[in-house]
Amino acid sequence: MRALSACLLSLSLALPLPSGAQQSCTDDAMIVFDGSGSMAEIGVNMVGVAKISEARLALRRVLPSVAAARRLGLVIYGPGGDRTCRNSELRFGPQWEAAPRILSEVDALRPVGGTPLTEGVRMAAEALDYRNTAGAVVLVTDGAETCGGAPCALAAELAENAPGLVVHVIGFKVDMRGELDRGGRPIIAARCLADRTGGRYVTAQTLDELAGALRLTLGCNLFGALSPVAIPRPGG
């Protein structure tokens, strides 16, 4: 199975990116991971299993193959700080073969605090030197900004000043009682970060869907074609 994954990754590197894509699948990428208190809640799709546990399993499935093809870094928000909002932290910038370090950091998380996702994305963009270098940010969040940040204002700023930066947003187990798109998938305000930068907004309600979303946004073209959870970007 590992040999097959490596083969698929090699093939995908040789394929052209989808029309309109603004990034290479080998550009440096930063993962912005939700470690807020809500990630300790039990997910509806795996009885008795916290969302953070499913997210860890999904990362473990995907990162080893992706980290062989591109440099990855990590920002986490949630633990630390004053346990509410001053809790975004750059764990490390892009580096090769980063999968073991990312998995170790996420495994050690004890989710707590609010959701300052706007600050987390800004930190990730800075770590990528976004004004001068192309790159990608992949935000994994189970909900909306709760700390007064303005994700759409940041999206406009990034779109204007960083044409080579793409932000992808993965909504993991987002509350289905909120606003839904035409496909019946939940929408969060942070979707504008993807819409304004040419990225993808993807939702995942299960472990398998989250792994697919990570492959789509962190991996290459072939991974995207295999994923059932992609939502076409506006105008795409």
Protein backbone atom coordinates (compact mmCIF):
# COMPACT_ATOMS: atom_id res chain seq x y z
CA MET A 1 0.00 0.00 0.00
CA ARG A 2 2.90 2.36 0.81
CA ALA A 3 4.45 1.59 -2.59
CA LEU A 4 1.15 2.39 -4.30
CA SER A 5 0.91 5.74 -2.47
CA ALA A 6 4.43 6.65 -3.53
CA CYS A 7 3.63 5.71 -7.11
CA LEU A 8 0.47 7.83 -7.14
CA LEU A 9 2.38 10.79 -5.72
CA SER A 10 5.07 10.49 -8.40
CA LEU A 11 2.47 10.32 -11.14
CA SER A 12 0.58 13.30 -9.75
CA LEU A 13 3.73 15.43 -9.79
CA ALA A 14 3.95 14.87 -13.54
CA LEU A 15 0.36 15.90 -14.21
CA PRO A 16 -0.67 19.50 -14.97
CA LEU A 17 -2.50 21.41 -12.27
CA PRO A 18 -6.21 22.15 -12.78
CA SER A 19 -7.05 25.20 -14.84
CA GLY A 20 -6.88 28.35 -12.76
CA ALA A 21 -4.72 26.87 -10.01
CA GLN A 22 -2.32 29.40 -8.52
CA GLN A 23 0.16 27.08 -6.85
CA SER A 24 2.47 24.18 -7.44
CA CYS A 25 1.91 21.13 -5.29
CA THR A 26 5.59 21.32 -4.36
CA ASP A 27 5.51 24.91 -3.03
CA ASP A 28 6.13 25.31 0.68
CA ALA A 29 2.97 24.84 2.73
CA MET A 30 1.84 25.64 6.26
CA ILE A 31 -0.83 23.71 8.15
CA VAL A 32 -2.92 25.80 10.55
CA PHE A 33 -4.42 23.30 12.97
CA ASP A 34 -7.38 23.83 15.28
CA GLY A 35 -6.46 22.91 18.86
CA SER A 36 -9.36 24.81 20.43
CA GLY A 37 -11.56 23.39 23.15
CA SER A 38 -14.27 22.24 20.75
CA MET A 39 -11.86 19.74 19.19
CA ALA A 40 -12.11 17.72 22.43
CA GLU A 41 -15.83 17.19 21.81
CA ILE A 42 -17.14 13.82 20.67
CA GLY A 43 -17.80 13.64 16.93
CA VAL A 44 -21.13 12.36 15.69
CA ASN A 45 -19.66 9.88 13.22
CA MET A 46 -17.46 7.85 15.59
CA VAL A 47 -19.23 7.09 18.86
CA GLY A 48 -17.08 7.99 21.84
CA VAL A 49 -14.20 9.41 19.76
CA ALA A 50 -13.15 13.03 20.09
CA LYS A 51 -12.69 15.13 16.96
CA ILE A 52 -9.02 15.65 17.79
CA SER A 53 -8.51 11.87 17.70
CA GLU A 54 -10.00 11.57 14.23
CA ALA A 55 -7.92 14.51 13.01
CA ARG A 56 -4.75 12.86 14.30
CA LEU A 57 -5.58 9.66 12.42
CA ALA A 58 -6.28 11.57 9.21
CA LEU A 59 -2.95 13.41 9.42
CA ARG A 60 -1.16 10.14 10.06
CA ARG A 61 -2.64 8.69 6.87
CA VAL A 62 -1.73 11.60 4.63
CA LEU A 63 1.36 13.45 5.81
CA PRO A 64 4.13 10.87 5.24
CA SER A 65 3.64 10.83 1.46
CA VAL A 66 3.00 14.58 1.16
CA ALA A 67 6.04 15.50 3.27
CA ALA A 68 8.27 13.64 0.82
CA ALA A 69 7.25 16.05 -1.96
CA ARG A 70 7.10 19.45 -0.27
CA ARG A 71 8.32 21.34 2.78
CA LEU A 72 5.68 21.67 5.50
CA GLY A 73 5.33 23.81 8.62
CA LEU A 74 2.80 24.09 11.44
CA VAL A 75 0.79 26.72 13.30
CA ILE A 76 -1.50 25.62 16.14
CA TYR A 77 -4.13 27.68 17.92
CA GLY A 78 -5.90 26.63 21.09
CA PRO A 79 -3.56 25.43 23.86
CA GLY A 80 -1.59 27.88 25.95
CA GLY A 81 -1.96 31.63 26.24
CA ASP A 82 -4.77 32.81 28.48
CA ARG A 83 -6.85 29.77 27.50
CA THR A 84 -9.16 31.88 25.35
CA CYS A 85 -7.75 33.84 22.45
CA ARG A 86 -4.06 34.70 22.87
CA ASN A 87 -3.13 31.18 21.96
CA SER A 88 -1.87 31.05 18.36
CA GLU A 89 1.64 29.68 18.04
CA LEU A 90 4.06 29.10 15.19
CA ARG A 91 5.50 25.70 16.03
CA PHE A 92 7.93 25.70 13.08
CA GLY A 93 8.31 26.98 9.53
CA PRO A 94 8.52 24.90 6.34
CA GLN A 95 11.02 22.04 6.44
CA TRP A 96 11.62 18.78 4.62
CA GLU A 97 10.30 15.47 5.95
CA ALA A 98 8.18 17.30 8.50
CA ALA A 99 5.57 14.56 9.00
CA PRO A 100 7.03 13.07 12.20
CA ARG A 101 7.38 16.49 13.82
CA ILE A 102 3.86 17.58 12.88
CA LEU A 103 2.36 14.33 14.12
CA SER A 104 4.28 14.60 17.38
CA GLU A 105 3.07 18.17 17.95
CA VAL A 106 -0.56 17.29 17.22
CA ASP A 107 -0.42 14.09 19.29
CA ALA A 108 0.73 16.15 22.28
CA LEU A 109 -2.16 18.63 22.01
CA ARG A 110 -4.72 18.96 24.77
CA PRO A 111 -7.45 21.05 23.10
CA VAL A 112 -8.53 24.16 25.02
CA GLY A 113 -9.35 27.79 24.35
CA GLY A 114 -10.97 29.78 21.56
CA THR A 115 -10.59 29.91 17.79
CA PRO A 116 -8.32 32.77 16.65
CA LEU A 117 -8.05 31.28 13.18
CA THR A 118 -7.45 34.64 11.49
CA GLU A 119 -4.29 35.20 13.52
CA GLY A 120 -3.24 31.61 12.86
CA VAL A 121 -3.52 32.07 9.10
CA ARG A 122 -1.63 35.36 9.29
CA MET A 123 1.19 33.67 11.23
CA ALA A 124 1.35 30.92 8.62
CA ALA A 125 1.49 33.44 5.77
CA GLU A 126 4.33 35.29 7.48
CA ALA A 127 6.22 32.01 7.96
CA LEU A 128 5.95 31.48 4.19
CA ASP A 129 7.33 34.98 3.46
CA TYR A 130 4.11 35.44 1.50
CA ARG A 131 4.97 38.85 0.06
CA ASN A 132 7.93 37.43 -1.82
CA THR A 133 7.39 33.69 -2.19
CA ALA A 134 4.60 31.45 -3.49
CA GLY A 135 3.12 29.00 -1.04
CA ALA A 136 0.01 27.45 0.43
CA VAL A 137 -1.78 27.61 3.77
CA VAL A 138 -4.15 24.79 4.75
CA LEU A 139 -6.48 25.74 7.60
CA VAL A 140 -8.15 22.85 9.44
CA THR A 141 -10.93 24.16 11.69
CA ASP A 142 -14.11 22.81 13.26
CA GLY A 143 -15.78 26.20 13.46
CA ALA A 144 -15.73 29.92 12.90
CA GLU A 145 -13.47 32.66 14.27
CA THR A 146 -14.37 33.31 17.93
CA CYS A 147 -11.69 35.80 18.95
CA GLY A 148 -12.63 38.96 17.09
CA GLY A 149 -10.49 38.36 14.03
CA ALA A 150 -11.74 39.35 10.57
CA PRO A 151 -10.95 36.50 8.17
CA CYS A 152 -12.47 38.21 5.14
CA ALA A 153 -10.41 41.38 5.73
CA LEU A 154 -7.30 39.21 5.91
CA ALA A 155 -8.41 37.41 2.76
CA ALA A 156 -8.64 40.73 0.90
CA GLU A 157 -5.21 41.77 2.18
CA LEU A 158 -3.61 38.51 1.10
CA ALA A 159 -5.29 38.58 -2.31
CA GLU A 160 -3.93 42.08 -2.92
CA ASN A 161 -0.42 41.65 -1.58
CA ALA A 162 0.34 37.97 -2.16
CA PRO A 163 -0.78 36.74 -5.58
CA GLY A 164 1.35 33.62 -5.12
CA LEU A 165 -0.29 32.58 -1.85
CA VAL A 166 -3.21 30.16 -1.81
CA VAL A 167 -5.29 29.50 1.31
CA HIS A 168 -7.33 26.31 1.53
CA VAL A 169 -9.96 25.92 4.25
CA ILE A 170 -11.10 22.54 5.58
CA GLY A 171 -14.23 22.68 7.73
CA PHE A 172 -14.12 19.56 9.91
CA LYS A 173 -17.37 18.50 11.58
CA VAL A 174 -18.74 22.02 11.32
CA ASP A 175 -22.15 22.41 12.98
CA MET A 176 -24.77 21.33 10.43
CA ARG A 177 -27.34 23.64 12.07
CA GLY A 178 -25.66 26.69 10.54
CA GLU A 179 -25.75 28.04 6.99
CA LEU A 180 -25.54 25.41 4.25
CA ASP A 181 -24.45 25.69 0.63
CA ARG A 182 -26.46 24.34 -2.32
CA GLY A 183 -24.94 20.92 -1.79
CA GLY A 184 -26.13 20.83 1.81
CA ARG A 185 -22.63 21.36 3.26
CA PRO A 186 -22.03 23.75 6.17
CA ILE A 187 -20.47 27.14 5.42
CA ILE A 188 -18.21 29.09 7.76
CA ALA A 189 -17.19 32.72 7.38
CA ALA A 190 -13.56 31.69 6.93
CA ARG A 191 -14.49 30.30 3.52
CA CYS A 192 -13.66 33.76 2.15
CA LEU A 193 -9.99 33.03 2.80
CA ALA A 194 -10.18 30.32 0.15
CA ASP A 195 -12.52 32.15 -2.21
CA ARG A 196 -10.41 35.33 -2.34
CA THR A 197 -7.03 33.60 -2.77
CA GLY A 198 -8.01 30.97 -5.34
CA GLY A 199 -8.00 28.14 -2.81
CA ARG A 200 -10.54 25.46 -2.02
CA TYR A 201 -13.16 25.25 0.69
CA VAL A 202 -13.75 21.63 1.62
CA THR A 203 -15.95 20.10 4.30
CA ALA A 204 -15.44 16.79 6.08
CA GLN A 205 -17.77 15.03 8.49
CA THR A 206 -15.88 11.73 8.75
CA LEU A 207 -12.33 10.54 9.21
CA ASP A 208 -12.17 9.35 5.60
CA GLU A 209 -13.47 12.66 4.30
CA LEU A 210 -10.91 14.58 6.33
CA ALA A 211 -8.10 12.44 4.96
CA GLY A 212 -9.44 13.09 1.46
CA ALA A 213 -9.60 16.83 2.10
CA LEU A 214 -6.01 16.85 3.32
CA ARG A 215 -4.88 14.95 0.22
CA LEU A 216 -6.76 17.38 -1.99
CA THR A 217 -5.31 20.52 -0.44
CA LEU A 218 -1.81 19.35 0.51
CA GLY A 219 -1.20 16.77 -2.18
CA CYS A 220 -1.11 16.99 -5.93
CA ASN A 221 -3.59 16.91 -8.77
CA LEU A 222 -4.15 13.16 -8.72
CA PHE A 223 -5.06 13.19 -5.03
CA GLY A 224 -7.67 15.84 -5.79
CA ALA A 225 -9.18 13.71 -8.53
CA LEU A 226 -9.53 10.80 -6.09
CA SER A 227 -11.21 12.84 -3.37
CA PRO A 228 -15.04 12.84 -3.17
CA VAL A 229 -15.32 15.89 -0.93
CA ALA A 230 -14.00 18.70 -3.12
CA ILE A 231 -16.24 21.69 -3.67
CA PRO A 232 -15.47 23.58 -6.91
CA ARG A 233 -14.15 27.06 -6.34
CA PRO A 234 -16.44 29.90 -7.50
CA GLY A 235 -16.45 30.23 -11.26
CA GLY A 236 -14.55 26.94 -11.58
